[in-house]
Amino acid sequence: MENYQNIALALNNKGYQCIPLNPSNNTPCYTFKNIDITPSVIKHMNWSNKRIGILCRGVYIIDIDTHNLSSKDKEELKQNFIKNGLDYIYQLPYGNKNLGGYSTLKNSPYFEEVIDSARSSYVEVTKSGGLHIILKKQNIPEITYSQKIDVFRDTFGNGIDIKAHDNNYCAIAPSSGYTSIIKGQIDFYHGNLENNLFNNISERQAQLARELFPEITTKFYQSSRAHSSSKAYRRLLSGKSTSRNNDLFKATCFLLENNLSLEPLEVIVGTVNEAGDIFSEAEFIATVKSAYRTYNNKSN
């Protein structure tokens, strides 16, 4: 039997915090929210007949799920990854069926960079045939890590969660059902996905807009929640817009109809969406001009 306490202590020595999990459902055995898991805390925990879980403190996890697959397909995925390693991901029959998070990753522009980053870090196959790719967090002011459930559901598909809040966690090998397929030192992500997901420029710009133009943003936020233009404005400022041109058009029309300045909308220039597309100044100007034409035609 694995001595999970010793494993937790060894990982703690490397800067990673681990807790015991109930083997039946992977729930934590102890309250850990905002508690520093020190060696002393680890030694006072009961690790007998438990699984071991890693907290997302200093790390985050790309969790590829297989919820839509049959038990047979999940077990086949698991055994093939254990036998063939991470490169088995290139052999999956993507054209024949929806493979959950694997198909979503393949459909995204991040497939190769995720795999390349995984190769230099730590990867395990889960009991349901999914993958946990564990990566090191950057300590820079431009990045704010947070949990993102089904992060690509509106773009590339379902089945990929990002566990990145300090109080998120996941079970790890050698827990029963989990097998390491790449046992490297946890490394940083190499590519655009991390920045596109966690760059807080939209959040900071939204705050700036609220500070500089309180009379305008207040009017938007006090509008009826059913008002599509108000919703569009809120999506733009929060960075959650999946159709920025359309939302910009609606928000511009609203401002024109209410004789308000368009200046707050300029915060979206230079922002990046989930697909990695930068909203350019030229794109902004073209959309605003289109809204102007529509407004003028209605007014005449």
Protein backbone atom coordinates (compact mmCIF):
# COMPACT_ATOMS: atom_id res chain seq x y z
CA MET A 1 0.00 0.00 0.00
CA GLU A 2 1.26 3.48 -0.91
CA ASN A 3 2.22 5.74 1.98
CA TYR A 4 0.30 8.85 0.90
CA GLN A 5 1.48 10.84 3.88
CA ASN A 6 5.10 10.43 2.78
CA ILE A 7 4.16 11.31 -0.80
CA ALA A 8 2.31 14.42 0.41
CA LEU A 9 5.33 15.44 2.49
CA ALA A 10 7.69 14.92 -0.44
CA LEU A 11 5.48 17.01 -2.72
CA ASN A 12 5.15 19.66 -0.02
CA ASN A 13 8.93 19.89 0.07
CA LYS A 14 8.75 20.79 -3.65
CA GLY A 15 6.13 23.47 -2.99
CA TYR A 16 2.92 21.53 -3.69
CA GLN A 17 0.08 21.11 -1.21
CA CYS A 18 -1.82 17.81 -1.01
CA ILE A 19 -4.78 16.52 0.97
CA PRO A 20 -6.43 13.12 1.53
CA LEU A 21 -9.60 12.37 -0.48
CA ASN A 22 -12.42 9.92 0.09
CA PRO A 23 -11.82 7.01 -2.32
CA SER A 24 -15.52 6.61 -3.13
CA ASN A 25 -16.13 10.10 -4.53
CA ASN A 26 -12.89 12.13 -4.36
CA THR A 27 -14.31 14.57 -1.82
CA PRO A 28 -11.85 16.12 0.66
CA CYS A 29 -11.56 14.46 4.05
CA TYR A 30 -10.71 17.74 5.75
CA THR A 31 -11.61 21.40 5.43
CA PHE A 32 -8.78 23.08 3.55
CA LYS A 33 -10.22 26.33 2.15
CA ASN A 34 -7.67 29.10 2.69
CA ILE A 35 -5.65 26.84 5.02
CA ASP A 36 -1.94 26.45 4.35
CA ILE A 37 -1.19 22.72 4.16
CA THR A 38 2.12 22.57 6.01
CA PRO A 39 4.11 19.44 6.92
CA SER A 40 2.65 19.67 10.41
CA VAL A 41 -0.90 19.70 9.02
CA ILE A 42 -0.10 16.73 6.75
CA LYS A 43 1.23 14.69 9.67
CA HIS A 44 -1.97 15.25 11.65
CA MET A 45 -4.19 14.02 8.80
CA ASN A 46 -5.43 10.45 8.50
CA TRP A 47 -4.20 9.08 5.18
CA SER A 48 -5.26 5.46 5.68
CA ASN A 49 -7.45 4.04 2.90
CA LYS A 50 -7.62 7.38 1.11
CA ARG A 51 -6.68 8.88 -2.22
CA ILE A 52 -4.26 11.76 -2.53
CA GLY A 53 -5.28 15.05 -4.11
CA ILE A 54 -3.22 18.06 -5.14
CA LEU A 55 -4.48 21.59 -4.50
CA CYS A 56 -4.17 24.19 -7.25
CA ARG A 57 -1.77 26.31 -5.27
CA GLY A 58 1.13 27.10 -7.52
CA VAL A 59 -0.30 24.80 -10.19
CA TYR A 60 -3.35 24.51 -12.42
CA ILE A 61 -4.88 21.56 -14.20
CA ILE A 62 -6.23 21.01 -17.69
CA ASP A 63 -8.85 18.32 -17.08
CA ILE A 64 -9.92 16.43 -20.21
CA ASP A 65 -13.16 14.57 -19.50
CA THR A 66 -14.97 11.67 -21.17
CA HIS A 67 -18.44 12.04 -19.62
CA ASN A 68 -20.27 11.25 -22.84
CA LEU A 69 -18.47 7.94 -23.51
CA SER A 70 -19.49 4.42 -22.55
CA SER A 71 -17.72 2.53 -19.77
CA LYS A 72 -16.15 0.30 -22.41
CA ASP A 73 -14.77 3.27 -24.37
CA LYS A 74 -13.44 4.89 -21.19
CA GLU A 75 -11.58 1.76 -20.16
CA GLU A 76 -10.17 1.33 -23.67
CA LEU A 77 -8.88 4.91 -23.62
CA LYS A 78 -7.33 4.41 -20.21
CA GLN A 79 -5.52 1.20 -21.12
CA ASN A 80 -4.24 2.58 -24.43
CA PHE A 81 -2.83 5.71 -22.81
CA ILE A 82 -1.14 3.57 -20.14
CA LYS A 83 0.32 1.30 -22.83
CA ASN A 84 1.24 3.90 -25.49
CA GLY A 85 1.73 7.12 -23.52
CA LEU A 86 0.57 10.60 -24.41
CA ASP A 87 1.21 10.15 -28.14
CA TYR A 88 -1.82 7.87 -28.25
CA ILE A 89 -3.81 11.10 -28.44
CA TYR A 90 -2.81 11.33 -32.11
CA GLN A 91 -4.24 7.87 -32.82
CA LEU A 92 -7.75 8.53 -31.53
CA PRO A 93 -10.57 8.07 -34.08
CA TYR A 94 -11.68 11.70 -34.06
CA GLY A 95 -13.66 11.41 -37.29
CA ASN A 96 -15.75 8.45 -36.14
CA LYS A 97 -17.31 9.71 -32.89
CA ASN A 98 -17.44 12.51 -30.36
CA LEU A 99 -14.65 11.74 -27.91
CA GLY A 100 -15.65 14.38 -25.37
CA GLY A 101 -12.80 16.60 -24.26
CA TYR A 102 -10.38 14.95 -26.68
CA SER A 103 -12.51 15.99 -29.67
CA THR A 104 -12.89 19.48 -28.21
CA LEU A 105 -9.13 19.86 -27.84
CA LYS A 106 -8.56 18.57 -31.38
CA ASN A 107 -11.11 21.09 -32.72
CA SER A 108 -9.38 23.97 -30.97
CA PRO A 109 -6.34 25.92 -32.19
CA TYR A 110 -4.54 24.87 -28.99
CA PHE A 111 -4.17 21.14 -29.65
CA GLU A 112 -0.46 21.08 -30.49
CA GLU A 113 0.63 23.61 -27.86
CA VAL A 114 -1.28 21.77 -25.13
CA ILE A 115 0.39 18.48 -26.09
CA ASP A 116 3.82 20.12 -26.33
CA SER A 117 3.38 21.71 -22.89
CA ALA A 118 2.15 18.42 -21.44
CA ARG A 119 5.26 16.58 -22.68
CA SER A 120 7.50 18.77 -20.54
CA SER A 121 5.31 18.63 -17.43
CA TYR A 122 3.24 16.04 -15.54
CA VAL A 123 0.36 14.06 -17.08
CA GLU A 124 -1.81 11.27 -15.75
CA VAL A 125 -4.67 9.22 -17.15
CA THR A 126 -7.76 9.18 -14.93
CA LYS A 127 -10.00 6.29 -13.92
CA SER A 128 -12.48 7.32 -16.63
CA GLY A 129 -9.94 7.52 -19.45
CA GLY A 130 -9.49 11.29 -19.28
CA LEU A 131 -6.29 13.23 -18.70
CA HIS A 132 -4.99 15.53 -16.00
CA ILE A 133 -2.30 17.86 -17.33
CA ILE A 134 -0.72 19.64 -14.37
CA LEU A 135 1.12 22.89 -15.06
CA LYS A 136 2.92 25.53 -13.03
CA LYS A 137 1.30 28.91 -12.46
CA GLN A 138 3.08 32.10 -13.46
CA ASN A 139 3.49 34.79 -10.83
CA ILE A 140 2.82 37.89 -12.93
CA PRO A 141 0.26 40.71 -12.42
CA GLU A 142 -1.31 40.29 -15.87
CA ILE A 143 -2.58 36.79 -15.03
CA THR A 144 -5.44 35.99 -12.65
CA TYR A 145 -6.09 32.26 -12.31
CA SER A 146 -9.64 31.00 -11.81
CA GLN A 147 -11.71 27.87 -12.34
CA LYS A 148 -13.30 27.54 -15.78
CA ILE A 149 -15.83 24.73 -16.13
CA ASP A 150 -16.46 23.41 -19.64
CA VAL A 151 -14.32 26.27 -20.86
CA PHE A 152 -14.87 25.71 -24.61
CA ARG A 153 -18.58 24.80 -24.59
CA ASP A 154 -19.51 27.87 -26.68
CA THR A 155 -16.67 27.50 -29.15
CA PHE A 156 -15.01 24.13 -29.73
CA GLY A 157 -17.07 21.69 -27.67
CA ASN A 158 -17.60 20.19 -24.22
CA GLY A 159 -15.45 18.18 -21.85
CA ILE A 160 -12.53 20.39 -20.82
CA ASP A 161 -12.37 21.98 -17.38
CA ILE A 162 -9.61 24.24 -16.11
CA LYS A 163 -8.98 23.92 -12.39
CA ALA A 164 -6.95 26.94 -11.37
CA HIS A 165 -8.42 28.56 -8.25
CA ASP A 166 -6.26 28.04 -5.17
CA ASN A 167 -9.02 25.95 -3.58
CA ASN A 168 -9.56 23.69 -6.60
CA TYR A 169 -8.03 20.21 -6.46
CA CYS A 170 -7.89 16.87 -8.23
CA ALA A 171 -6.93 13.30 -7.37
CA ILE A 172 -3.50 12.26 -8.54
CA ALA A 173 -1.49 9.09 -8.97
CA PRO A 174 -0.69 6.81 -7.30
CA SER A 175 -4.30 6.98 -6.10
CA SER A 176 -6.34 3.98 -7.18
CA GLY A 177 -7.54 4.48 -10.75
CA TYR A 178 -4.95 7.12 -11.68
CA THR A 179 -1.75 6.38 -13.61
CA SER A 180 1.10 8.73 -14.47
CA ILE A 181 2.04 8.65 -18.14
CA ILE A 182 4.50 11.58 -18.02
CA LYS A 183 6.31 11.99 -14.72
CA GLY A 184 8.27 15.15 -15.42
CA GLN A 185 8.73 18.06 -13.07
CA ILE A 186 5.67 20.30 -13.22
CA ASP A 187 6.50 22.98 -15.78
CA PHE A 188 5.05 26.20 -17.19
CA TYR A 189 2.64 26.23 -20.14
CA HIS A 190 4.18 27.13 -23.50
CA GLY A 191 1.71 28.78 -25.88
CA ASN A 192 -1.26 31.14 -26.09
CA LEU A 193 -4.04 29.32 -24.23
CA GLU A 194 -3.00 30.30 -20.71
CA ASN A 195 -2.80 33.99 -21.57
CA ASN A 196 -6.08 33.90 -23.48
CA LEU A 197 -7.87 32.25 -20.57
CA PHE A 198 -6.41 34.13 -17.62
CA ASN A 199 -5.15 37.48 -18.87
CA ASN A 200 -6.97 40.00 -16.71
CA ILE A 201 -6.80 42.93 -19.17
CA SER A 202 -10.58 42.78 -19.73
CA GLU A 203 -11.21 42.84 -16.00
CA ARG A 204 -8.83 45.74 -15.49
CA GLN A 205 -10.30 47.64 -18.46
CA ALA A 206 -13.83 47.09 -17.16
CA GLN A 207 -12.82 48.56 -13.81
CA LEU A 208 -11.18 51.48 -15.58
CA ALA A 209 -14.34 52.09 -17.62
CA ARG A 210 -16.46 52.09 -14.46
CA GLU A 211 -14.09 54.57 -12.80
CA LEU A 212 -13.78 56.93 -15.78
CA PHE A 213 -17.38 56.82 -17.00
CA PRO A 214 -19.59 56.05 -13.97
CA GLU A 215 -22.65 57.81 -15.37
CA ILE A 216 -22.60 55.67 -18.51
CA THR A 217 -21.75 52.32 -16.98
CA THR A 218 -24.32 52.89 -14.23
CA LYS A 219 -27.00 53.49 -16.84
CA PHE A 220 -26.06 50.23 -18.55
CA TYR A 221 -25.96 48.17 -15.39
CA GLN A 222 -29.26 49.61 -14.15
CA SER A 223 -31.00 48.82 -17.43
CA SER A 224 -33.46 45.97 -17.51
CA ARG A 225 -31.63 42.62 -17.50
CA ALA A 226 -33.80 41.72 -20.48
CA HIS A 227 -32.36 44.61 -22.50
CA SER A 228 -30.11 42.95 -25.09
CA SER A 229 -27.94 46.05 -25.51
CA SER A 230 -27.31 46.25 -21.78
CA LYS A 231 -26.37 42.57 -21.71
CA ALA A 232 -24.08 43.09 -24.70
CA TYR A 233 -22.32 45.95 -22.92
CA ARG A 234 -21.82 43.88 -19.78
CA ARG A 235 -20.42 40.98 -21.80
CA LEU A 236 -17.94 43.29 -23.52
CA LEU A 237 -16.70 44.79 -20.27
CA SER A 238 -16.42 41.44 -18.52
CA GLY A 239 -14.52 39.85 -21.39
CA LYS A 240 -17.20 37.15 -21.74
CA SER A 241 -18.48 38.14 -25.17
CA THR A 242 -18.35 35.29 -27.69
CA SER A 243 -19.58 37.55 -30.51
CA ARG A 244 -17.76 40.80 -29.98
CA ASN A 245 -18.75 42.49 -33.24
CA ASN A 246 -22.42 41.78 -32.64
CA ASP A 247 -22.26 42.89 -29.01
CA LEU A 248 -20.32 46.03 -29.95
CA PHE A 249 -22.95 46.86 -32.56
CA LYS A 250 -25.79 46.51 -30.02
CA ALA A 251 -23.97 48.46 -27.33
CA THR A 252 -23.08 51.28 -29.77
CA CYS A 253 -26.71 51.62 -30.86
CA PHE A 254 -27.78 51.83 -27.22
CA LEU A 255 -25.29 54.60 -26.48
CA LEU A 256 -26.33 56.56 -29.57
CA GLU A 257 -30.03 56.21 -28.75
CA ASN A 258 -29.34 57.55 -25.24
CA ASN A 259 -27.01 60.33 -26.40
CA LEU A 260 -24.06 58.86 -24.45
CA SER A 261 -20.36 58.79 -25.28
CA LEU A 262 -18.94 55.78 -27.12
CA GLU A 263 -15.61 56.17 -25.33
CA PRO A 264 -16.16 53.39 -22.74
CA LEU A 265 -16.48 50.82 -25.51
CA GLU A 266 -12.89 51.41 -26.59
CA VAL A 267 -11.75 49.18 -23.73
CA ILE A 268 -12.32 46.10 -25.91
CA VAL A 269 -9.68 47.13 -28.47
CA GLY A 270 -6.74 44.77 -28.06
CA THR A 271 -8.61 42.16 -26.02
CA VAL A 272 -8.29 38.48 -26.87
CA ASN A 273 -11.11 35.91 -26.97
CA GLU A 274 -10.99 32.15 -26.26
CA ALA A 275 -9.98 31.42 -29.85
CA GLY A 276 -6.98 33.73 -29.55
CA ASP A 277 -8.36 36.44 -31.85
CA ILE A 278 -7.33 40.01 -31.06
CA PHE A 279 -10.05 42.66 -31.46
CA SER A 280 -8.31 45.26 -33.61
CA GLU A 281 -8.88 49.01 -33.75
CA ALA A 282 -9.86 48.72 -37.43
CA GLU A 283 -12.48 46.11 -36.52
CA PHE A 284 -13.78 48.39 -33.78
CA ILE A 285 -14.09 51.37 -36.11
CA ALA A 286 -15.83 49.34 -38.83
CA THR A 287 -18.43 48.00 -36.39
CA VAL A 288 -19.09 51.41 -34.83
CA LYS A 289 -19.53 52.97 -38.29
CA SER A 290 -22.05 50.27 -39.17
CA ALA A 291 -23.99 51.03 -35.99
CA TYR A 292 -23.90 54.75 -36.82
CA ARG A 293 -25.41 54.06 -40.26
CA THR A 294 -28.15 51.95 -38.73
CA TYR A 295 -28.90 54.60 -36.11
CA ASN A 296 -28.99 57.41 -38.68
CA ASN A 297 -31.32 55.43 -40.97
CA LYS A 298 -33.73 54.91 -38.06
CA SER A 299 -33.56 58.60 -37.13
CA ASN A 300 -34.26 59.88 -40.64
